[in-house]
Amino acid sequence: MKEIEENKTKIKILTDYTDHDLKRIIELITGRIRFINARLISKKSYQSAEFLVRDIDEDDTEFIALTEHIRGKFWSGDKELRRGLMKKNWNKFITTVELFQQLK
């Protein structure tokens, strides 16, 4: 939620949503997300994530660690991160289109 709040203005500009529509979309998406306390992520998952992102963007360590921990999919519009991770054969991504299809 913190990441969404920090990027709300950028999301609004990129999507051209009204305040009302953006709020509705965020509620729709986050209503189906199970939030996990970062302290519950295993040390092994953090170590794996640190290795994966160390030369790409260390600020994303926690997100990748969580994805590893829950054996889930990673949703992000960060193209540089995606390219860097794919070069390391890490392809646990979900696109916005795939995400919306699953929400239907």
N, C-alpha and C. Protein backbone atom coordinates (compact mmCIF):
# COMPACT_ATOMS: atom_id res chain seq x y z
N MET A 1 0.82 -1.20 0.00
CA MET A 1 0.00 0.00 0.00
C MET A 1 0.86 1.25 0.00
N LYS A 2 1.98 1.18 0.71
CA LYS A 2 2.88 2.33 0.76
C LYS A 2 3.38 2.69 -0.64
N GLU A 3 3.75 1.68 -1.39
CA GLU A 3 4.26 1.89 -2.76
C GLU A 3 3.17 2.50 -3.65
N ILE A 4 1.95 2.04 -3.51
CA ILE A 4 0.84 2.60 -4.29
C ILE A 4 0.63 4.06 -3.93
N GLU A 5 0.59 4.35 -2.64
CA GLU A 5 0.40 5.73 -2.20
C GLU A 5 1.52 6.64 -2.71
N GLU A 6 2.76 6.17 -2.65
CA GLU A 6 3.89 6.98 -3.10
C GLU A 6 3.84 7.25 -4.59
N ASN A 7 3.19 6.37 -5.34
CA ASN A 7 3.16 6.51 -6.80
C ASN A 7 1.79 6.87 -7.34
N LYS A 8 0.89 7.27 -6.49
CA LYS A 8 -0.48 7.56 -6.89
C LYS A 8 -0.56 8.63 -7.97
N THR A 9 0.20 9.70 -7.82
CA THR A 9 0.18 10.78 -8.81
C THR A 9 0.67 10.28 -10.17
N LYS A 10 1.74 9.50 -10.16
CA LYS A 10 2.27 8.94 -11.41
C LYS A 10 1.26 8.00 -12.05
N ILE A 11 0.63 7.16 -11.24
CA ILE A 11 -0.39 6.24 -11.76
C ILE A 11 -1.53 7.02 -12.39
N LYS A 12 -1.95 8.06 -11.71
CA LYS A 12 -3.06 8.88 -12.22
C LYS A 12 -2.71 9.52 -13.56
N ILE A 13 -1.50 10.04 -13.67
CA ILE A 13 -1.05 10.66 -14.92
C ILE A 13 -0.99 9.62 -16.04
N LEU A 14 -0.40 8.47 -15.76
CA LEU A 14 -0.24 7.44 -16.79
C LEU A 14 -1.57 6.85 -17.25
N THR A 15 -2.53 6.75 -16.34
CA THR A 15 -3.81 6.10 -16.68
C THR A 15 -4.89 7.07 -17.10
N ASP A 16 -4.71 8.35 -16.74
CA ASP A 16 -5.70 9.39 -17.01
C ASP A 16 -7.03 9.11 -16.28
N TYR A 17 -6.94 8.38 -15.15
CA TYR A 17 -8.13 8.12 -14.34
C TYR A 17 -8.50 9.35 -13.53
N THR A 18 -9.79 9.48 -13.27
CA THR A 18 -10.24 10.50 -12.32
C THR A 18 -9.87 10.01 -10.92
N ASP A 19 -9.94 10.91 -9.94
CA ASP A 19 -9.67 10.51 -8.56
C ASP A 19 -10.60 9.37 -8.14
N HIS A 20 -11.86 9.50 -8.51
CA HIS A 20 -12.85 8.47 -8.15
C HIS A 20 -12.52 7.13 -8.79
N ASP A 21 -12.22 7.14 -10.09
CA ASP A 21 -11.90 5.89 -10.79
C ASP A 21 -10.63 5.24 -10.24
N LEU A 22 -9.60 6.05 -9.97
CA LEU A 22 -8.35 5.51 -9.43
C LEU A 22 -8.60 4.87 -8.07
N LYS A 23 -9.36 5.54 -7.24
CA LYS A 23 -9.68 4.98 -5.92
C LYS A 23 -10.41 3.65 -6.08
N ARG A 24 -11.36 3.59 -7.00
CA ARG A 24 -12.13 2.35 -7.25
C ARG A 24 -11.22 1.22 -7.73
N ILE A 25 -10.33 1.52 -8.65
CA ILE A 25 -9.41 0.51 -9.19
C ILE A 25 -8.47 0.01 -8.09
N ILE A 26 -7.93 0.92 -7.30
CA ILE A 26 -7.03 0.53 -6.21
C ILE A 26 -7.77 -0.36 -5.22
N GLU A 27 -9.00 -0.01 -4.88
CA GLU A 27 -9.80 -0.83 -3.96
C GLU A 27 -10.08 -2.20 -4.56
N LEU A 28 -10.37 -2.25 -5.85
CA LEU A 28 -10.63 -3.52 -6.52
C LEU A 28 -9.41 -4.42 -6.46
N ILE A 29 -8.26 -3.86 -6.78
CA ILE A 29 -7.03 -4.65 -6.79
C ILE A 29 -6.59 -5.03 -5.38
N THR A 30 -6.52 -4.05 -4.49
CA THR A 30 -6.02 -4.35 -3.15
C THR A 30 -7.00 -5.18 -2.33
N GLY A 31 -8.25 -5.17 -2.72
CA GLY A 31 -9.24 -6.00 -2.02
C GLY A 31 -8.99 -7.49 -2.21
N ARG A 32 -8.22 -7.82 -3.22
CA ARG A 32 -7.91 -9.22 -3.51
C ARG A 32 -6.47 -9.59 -3.18
N ILE A 33 -5.76 -8.66 -2.56
CA ILE A 33 -4.36 -8.90 -2.22
C ILE A 33 -4.27 -9.29 -0.75
N ARG A 34 -3.49 -10.29 -0.50
CA ARG A 34 -3.22 -10.70 0.88
C ARG A 34 -1.91 -10.03 1.29
N PHE A 35 -1.98 -9.07 2.16
CA PHE A 35 -0.79 -8.35 2.60
C PHE A 35 -0.08 -9.17 3.68
N ILE A 36 1.23 -9.23 3.57
CA ILE A 36 2.05 -10.03 4.48
C ILE A 36 3.08 -9.12 5.15
N ASN A 37 3.22 -9.27 6.44
CA ASN A 37 4.22 -8.51 7.18
C ASN A 37 5.61 -8.91 6.68
N ALA A 38 6.42 -7.92 6.32
CA ALA A 38 7.75 -8.19 5.75
C ALA A 38 8.63 -8.98 6.71
N ARG A 39 8.38 -8.87 8.00
CA ARG A 39 9.20 -9.61 8.97
C ARG A 39 8.97 -11.12 8.91
N LEU A 40 7.92 -11.54 8.22
CA LEU A 40 7.63 -12.97 8.12
C LEU A 40 8.31 -13.63 6.92
N ILE A 41 8.95 -12.84 6.08
CA ILE A 41 9.64 -13.37 4.90
C ILE A 41 10.91 -14.08 5.35
N SER A 42 11.13 -15.26 4.80
CA SER A 42 12.27 -16.07 5.22
C SER A 42 13.61 -15.43 4.83
N LYS A 43 14.62 -15.77 5.60
CA LYS A 43 15.97 -15.27 5.34
C LYS A 43 16.45 -15.76 3.97
N LYS A 44 16.12 -16.99 3.63
CA LYS A 44 16.51 -17.55 2.34
C LYS A 44 15.92 -16.73 1.18
N SER A 45 14.65 -16.33 1.32
CA SER A 45 14.02 -15.52 0.27
C SER A 45 14.68 -14.16 0.15
N TYR A 46 15.03 -13.55 1.29
CA TYR A 46 15.74 -12.27 1.26
C TYR A 46 17.11 -12.40 0.60
N GLN A 47 17.82 -13.45 0.93
CA GLN A 47 19.15 -13.64 0.35
C GLN A 47 19.06 -13.82 -1.16
N SER A 48 18.10 -14.60 -1.58
CA SER A 48 17.89 -14.81 -3.02
C SER A 48 17.56 -13.49 -3.71
N ALA A 49 16.67 -12.72 -3.09
CA ALA A 49 16.27 -11.43 -3.66
C ALA A 49 17.43 -10.45 -3.70
N GLU A 50 18.21 -10.42 -2.64
CA GLU A 50 19.37 -9.52 -2.61
C GLU A 50 20.33 -9.83 -3.75
N PHE A 51 20.55 -11.10 -4.01
CA PHE A 51 21.42 -11.52 -5.11
C PHE A 51 20.83 -11.08 -6.45
N LEU A 52 19.52 -11.27 -6.60
CA LEU A 52 18.87 -10.96 -7.87
C LEU A 52 18.88 -9.47 -8.20
N VAL A 53 18.65 -8.61 -7.20
CA VAL A 53 18.48 -7.18 -7.49
C VAL A 53 19.69 -6.32 -7.21
N ARG A 54 20.74 -6.90 -6.67
CA ARG A 54 21.88 -6.08 -6.19
C ARG A 54 22.47 -5.17 -7.26
N ASP A 55 22.45 -5.56 -8.50
CA ASP A 55 23.00 -4.70 -9.55
C ASP A 55 21.91 -4.08 -10.43
N ILE A 56 20.65 -4.18 -9.96
CA ILE A 56 19.53 -3.60 -10.71
C ILE A 56 18.92 -2.46 -9.91
N ASP A 57 18.27 -2.80 -8.80
CA ASP A 57 17.66 -1.79 -7.93
C ASP A 57 17.39 -2.42 -6.57
N GLU A 58 18.27 -2.12 -5.62
CA GLU A 58 18.17 -2.72 -4.30
C GLU A 58 16.89 -2.33 -3.56
N ASP A 59 16.26 -1.24 -3.98
CA ASP A 59 15.00 -0.84 -3.35
C ASP A 59 13.88 -1.85 -3.57
N ASP A 60 14.05 -2.72 -4.54
CA ASP A 60 13.03 -3.73 -4.84
C ASP A 60 13.28 -5.07 -4.15
N THR A 61 14.28 -5.14 -3.31
CA THR A 61 14.63 -6.40 -2.64
C THR A 61 13.44 -7.00 -1.91
N GLU A 62 12.76 -6.18 -1.13
CA GLU A 62 11.65 -6.69 -0.33
C GLU A 62 10.53 -7.26 -1.20
N PHE A 63 10.25 -6.62 -2.33
CA PHE A 63 9.19 -7.09 -3.22
C PHE A 63 9.55 -8.43 -3.85
N ILE A 64 10.79 -8.56 -4.28
CA ILE A 64 11.24 -9.81 -4.88
C ILE A 64 11.31 -10.91 -3.81
N ALA A 65 11.76 -10.55 -2.62
CA ALA A 65 11.82 -11.52 -1.52
C ALA A 65 10.42 -12.03 -1.19
N LEU A 66 9.45 -11.16 -1.17
CA LEU A 66 8.07 -11.58 -0.90
C LEU A 66 7.56 -12.51 -2.00
N THR A 67 7.85 -12.15 -3.24
CA THR A 67 7.43 -12.99 -4.36
C THR A 67 8.03 -14.38 -4.23
N GLU A 68 9.32 -14.43 -3.88
CA GLU A 68 9.99 -15.72 -3.68
C GLU A 68 9.36 -16.47 -2.50
N HIS A 69 9.12 -15.77 -1.42
CA HIS A 69 8.60 -16.38 -0.19
C HIS A 69 7.24 -17.04 -0.41
N ILE A 70 6.36 -16.37 -1.13
CA ILE A 70 5.01 -16.92 -1.33
C ILE A 70 4.89 -17.74 -2.62
N ARG A 71 6.02 -17.82 -3.34
CA ARG A 71 6.03 -18.52 -4.63
C ARG A 71 4.93 -17.96 -5.54
N GLY A 72 4.91 -16.61 -5.59
CA GLY A 72 3.87 -15.92 -6.33
C GLY A 72 4.35 -15.30 -7.62
N LYS A 73 3.58 -14.36 -8.09
CA LYS A 73 3.89 -13.60 -9.30
C LYS A 73 4.16 -12.16 -8.90
N PHE A 74 5.01 -11.50 -9.66
CA PHE A 74 5.43 -10.13 -9.38
C PHE A 74 4.80 -9.19 -10.39
N TRP A 75 4.06 -8.19 -9.90
CA TRP A 75 3.40 -7.21 -10.76
C TRP A 75 4.10 -5.87 -10.61
N SER A 76 4.68 -5.40 -11.68
CA SER A 76 5.39 -4.11 -11.66
C SER A 76 5.51 -3.57 -13.07
N GLY A 77 5.50 -2.26 -13.16
CA GLY A 77 5.71 -1.60 -14.44
C GLY A 77 7.15 -1.17 -14.62
N ASP A 78 8.02 -1.59 -13.73
CA ASP A 78 9.44 -1.21 -13.76
C ASP A 78 10.16 -2.02 -14.84
N LYS A 79 10.30 -1.42 -16.01
CA LYS A 79 10.89 -2.11 -17.16
C LYS A 79 12.36 -2.46 -16.94
N GLU A 80 13.09 -1.57 -16.29
CA GLU A 80 14.51 -1.84 -16.03
C GLU A 80 14.66 -3.05 -15.09
N LEU A 81 13.85 -3.10 -14.06
CA LEU A 81 13.89 -4.23 -13.14
C LEU A 81 13.53 -5.52 -13.86
N ARG A 82 12.49 -5.46 -14.64
CA ARG A 82 12.04 -6.65 -15.38
C ARG A 82 13.15 -7.16 -16.32
N ARG A 83 13.74 -6.25 -17.09
CA ARG A 83 14.81 -6.65 -18.01
C ARG A 83 15.98 -7.27 -17.25
N GLY A 84 16.37 -6.63 -16.16
CA GLY A 84 17.49 -7.13 -15.37
C GLY A 84 17.22 -8.50 -14.78
N LEU A 85 16.01 -8.70 -14.27
CA LEU A 85 15.66 -10.00 -13.68
C LEU A 85 15.55 -11.08 -14.76
N MET A 86 15.00 -10.71 -15.90
CA MET A 86 14.88 -11.69 -16.98
C MET A 86 16.24 -12.14 -17.50
N LYS A 87 17.23 -11.23 -17.47
CA LYS A 87 18.59 -11.61 -17.86
C LYS A 87 19.15 -12.65 -16.90
N LYS A 88 18.62 -12.68 -15.70
CA LYS A 88 19.05 -13.66 -14.70
C LYS A 88 18.11 -14.85 -14.65
N ASN A 89 17.31 -15.00 -15.71
CA ASN A 89 16.35 -16.10 -15.84
C ASN A 89 15.29 -16.12 -14.74
N TRP A 90 14.95 -14.97 -14.21
CA TRP A 90 13.89 -14.85 -13.22
C TRP A 90 12.68 -14.28 -13.94
N ASN A 91 11.66 -15.09 -14.11
CA ASN A 91 10.50 -14.69 -14.90
C ASN A 91 9.22 -15.00 -14.14
N LYS A 92 9.07 -14.42 -12.98
CA LYS A 92 7.89 -14.66 -12.15
C LYS A 92 6.98 -13.43 -12.18
N PHE A 93 6.74 -12.92 -13.37
CA PHE A 93 5.98 -11.70 -13.54
C PHE A 93 4.53 -11.99 -13.89
N ILE A 94 3.68 -11.03 -13.57
CA ILE A 94 2.31 -11.05 -14.04
C ILE A 94 2.05 -9.67 -14.65
N THR A 95 1.46 -9.65 -15.81
CA THR A 95 1.17 -8.38 -16.47
C THR A 95 -0.14 -7.81 -15.94
N THR A 96 -0.37 -6.55 -16.21
CA THR A 96 -1.62 -5.93 -15.79
C THR A 96 -2.79 -6.60 -16.48
N VAL A 97 -2.64 -6.95 -17.75
CA VAL A 97 -3.71 -7.64 -18.49
C VAL A 97 -4.02 -8.98 -17.82
N GLU A 98 -2.99 -9.76 -17.50
CA GLU A 98 -3.20 -11.05 -16.84
C GLU A 98 -3.86 -10.87 -15.47
N LEU A 99 -3.44 -9.84 -14.77
CA LEU A 99 -4.01 -9.57 -13.45
C LEU A 99 -5.50 -9.26 -13.56
N PHE A 100 -5.86 -8.39 -14.49
CA PHE A 100 -7.28 -8.04 -14.66
C PHE A 100 -8.09 -9.25 -15.11
N GLN A 101 -7.51 -10.12 -15.93
CA GLN A 101 -8.22 -11.32 -16.35
C GLN A 101 -8.52 -12.22 -15.16
N GLN A 102 -7.60 -12.29 -14.23
CA GLN A 102 -7.81 -13.11 -13.03
C GLN A 102 -8.83 -12.49 -12.09
N LEU A 103 -9.01 -11.16 -12.16
CA LEU A 103 -9.96 -10.49 -11.28
C LEU A 103 -11.40 -10.60 -11.78
N LYS A 104 -11.57 -10.99 -13.03
CA LYS A 104 -12.93 -11.10 -13.60
C LYS A 104 -13.69 -12.26 -13.02
